[in-house]
């Protein structure tokens, strides 16, 4: 049981970028403003801007 919890925690961490779920971010970025995205994912506005910049590359 302990190994499965560790594995799950690592998988959750691996799927997040800048402390947010990348796939959810992609789905919502077209419908929401940067400020709304920052509130939704609990990160700073600067983190949202950095992630959008990384995606455009």
C-alpha atoms as a PDB file:
ATOM      1  CA  UNK A   1       0.000   0.000   0.000  1.00  0.00           C
ATOM      2  CA  UNK A   2       2.784   2.383   0.826  1.00  0.00           C
ATOM      3  CA  UNK A   3       4.462   1.981  -2.555  1.00  0.00           C
ATOM      4  CA  UNK A   4       1.227   2.639  -4.370  1.00  0.00           C
ATOM      5  CA  UNK A   5       0.766   5.923  -2.497  1.00  0.00           C
ATOM      6  CA  UNK A   6       4.319   6.973  -3.356  1.00  0.00           C
ATOM      7  CA  UNK A   7       3.822   6.083  -6.987  1.00  0.00           C
ATOM      8  CA  UNK A   8       0.553   7.984  -7.126  1.00  0.00           C
ATOM      9  CA  UNK A   9       2.154  11.046  -5.559  1.00  0.00           C
ATOM     10  CA  UNK A  10       4.997  10.952  -8.085  1.00  0.00           C
ATOM     11  CA  UNK A  11       2.578  10.623 -10.978  1.00  0.00           C
ATOM     12  CA  UNK A  12       0.559  13.591  -9.743  1.00  0.00           C
ATOM     13  CA  UNK A  13       3.701  15.666  -9.429  1.00  0.00           C
ATOM     14  CA  UNK A  14       4.915  14.630 -12.878  1.00  0.00           C
ATOM     15  CA  UNK A  15       1.665  15.681 -14.556  1.00  0.00           C
ATOM     16  CA  UNK A  16       1.776  19.166 -13.095  1.00  0.00           C
ATOM     17  CA  UNK A  17       3.803  22.061 -14.363  1.00  0.00           C
ATOM     18  CA  UNK A  18       4.261  25.259 -12.381  1.00  0.00           C
ATOM     19  CA  UNK A  19       2.076  23.635  -9.710  1.00  0.00           C
ATOM     20  CA  UNK A  20      -0.941  23.159 -11.981  1.00  0.00           C
ATOM     21  CA  UNK A  21      -2.311  20.386 -14.154  1.00  0.00           C
ATOM     22  CA  UNK A  22      -1.074  21.019 -17.684  1.00  0.00           C
ATOM     23  CA  UNK A  23      -3.998  19.353 -19.456  1.00  0.00           C
ATOM     24  CA  UNK A  24      -6.613  21.292 -17.503  1.00  0.00           C
ATOM     25  CA  UNK A  25      -4.682  24.478 -18.201  1.00  0.00           C
ATOM     26  CA  UNK A  26      -4.715  23.830 -21.964  1.00  0.00           C
ATOM     27  CA  UNK A  27      -8.461  23.173 -21.897  1.00  0.00           C
ATOM     28  CA  UNK A  28      -9.277  26.330 -19.949  1.00  0.00           C
ATOM     29  CA  UNK A  29      -6.764  28.840 -21.322  1.00  0.00           C
ATOM     30  CA  UNK A  30      -8.935  29.745 -24.310  1.00  0.00           C
ATOM     31  CA  UNK A  31     -12.031  30.386 -22.199  1.00  0.00           C
ATOM     32  CA  UNK A  32     -10.526  32.315 -19.278  1.00  0.00           C
ATOM     33  CA  UNK A  33      -8.343  35.364 -18.714  1.00  0.00           C
ATOM     34  CA  UNK A  34      -4.892  35.095 -17.133  1.00  0.00           C
ATOM     35  CA  UNK A  35      -6.256  36.406 -13.856  1.00  0.00           C
ATOM     36  CA  UNK A  36      -9.062  33.824 -13.819  1.00  0.00           C
ATOM     37  CA  UNK A  37      -6.585  31.035 -14.613  1.00  0.00           C
ATOM     38  CA  UNK A  38      -4.336  32.126 -11.760  1.00  0.00           C
ATOM     39  CA  UNK A  39      -7.278  32.046  -9.346  1.00  0.00           C
ATOM     40  CA  UNK A  40      -8.538  28.710 -10.684  1.00  0.00           C
ATOM     41  CA  UNK A  41      -5.199  26.922 -10.263  1.00  0.00           C
ATOM     42  CA  UNK A  42      -4.033  28.763  -7.157  1.00  0.00           C
ATOM     43  CA  UNK A  43      -0.856  30.144  -8.690  1.00  0.00           C
ATOM     44  CA  UNK A  44       0.476  33.603  -9.341  1.00  0.00           C
ATOM     45  CA  UNK A  45      -0.311  35.608 -12.420  1.00  0.00           C
ATOM     46  CA  UNK A  46       3.381  35.451 -13.298  1.00  0.00           C
ATOM     47  CA  UNK A  47       3.279  31.615 -13.321  1.00  0.00           C
ATOM     48  CA  UNK A  48       0.360  31.706 -15.777  1.00  0.00           C
ATOM     49  CA  UNK A  49       2.245  34.096 -18.042  1.00  0.00           C
ATOM     50  CA  UNK A  50       5.386  31.921 -17.923  1.00  0.00           C
ATOM     51  CA  UNK A  51       3.438  28.801 -18.784  1.00  0.00           C
ATOM     52  CA  UNK A  52       1.692  30.496 -21.713  1.00  0.00           C
ATOM     53  CA  UNK A  53       5.076  31.689 -22.938  1.00  0.00           C
ATOM     54  CA  UNK A  54       6.495  28.149 -22.673  1.00  0.00           C
ATOM     55  CA  UNK A  55       3.533  26.731 -24.603  1.00  0.00           C
ATOM     56  CA  UNK A  56       4.024  29.178 -27.478  1.00  0.00           C
ATOM     57  CA  UNK A  57       7.613  28.009 -28.017  1.00  0.00           C
END
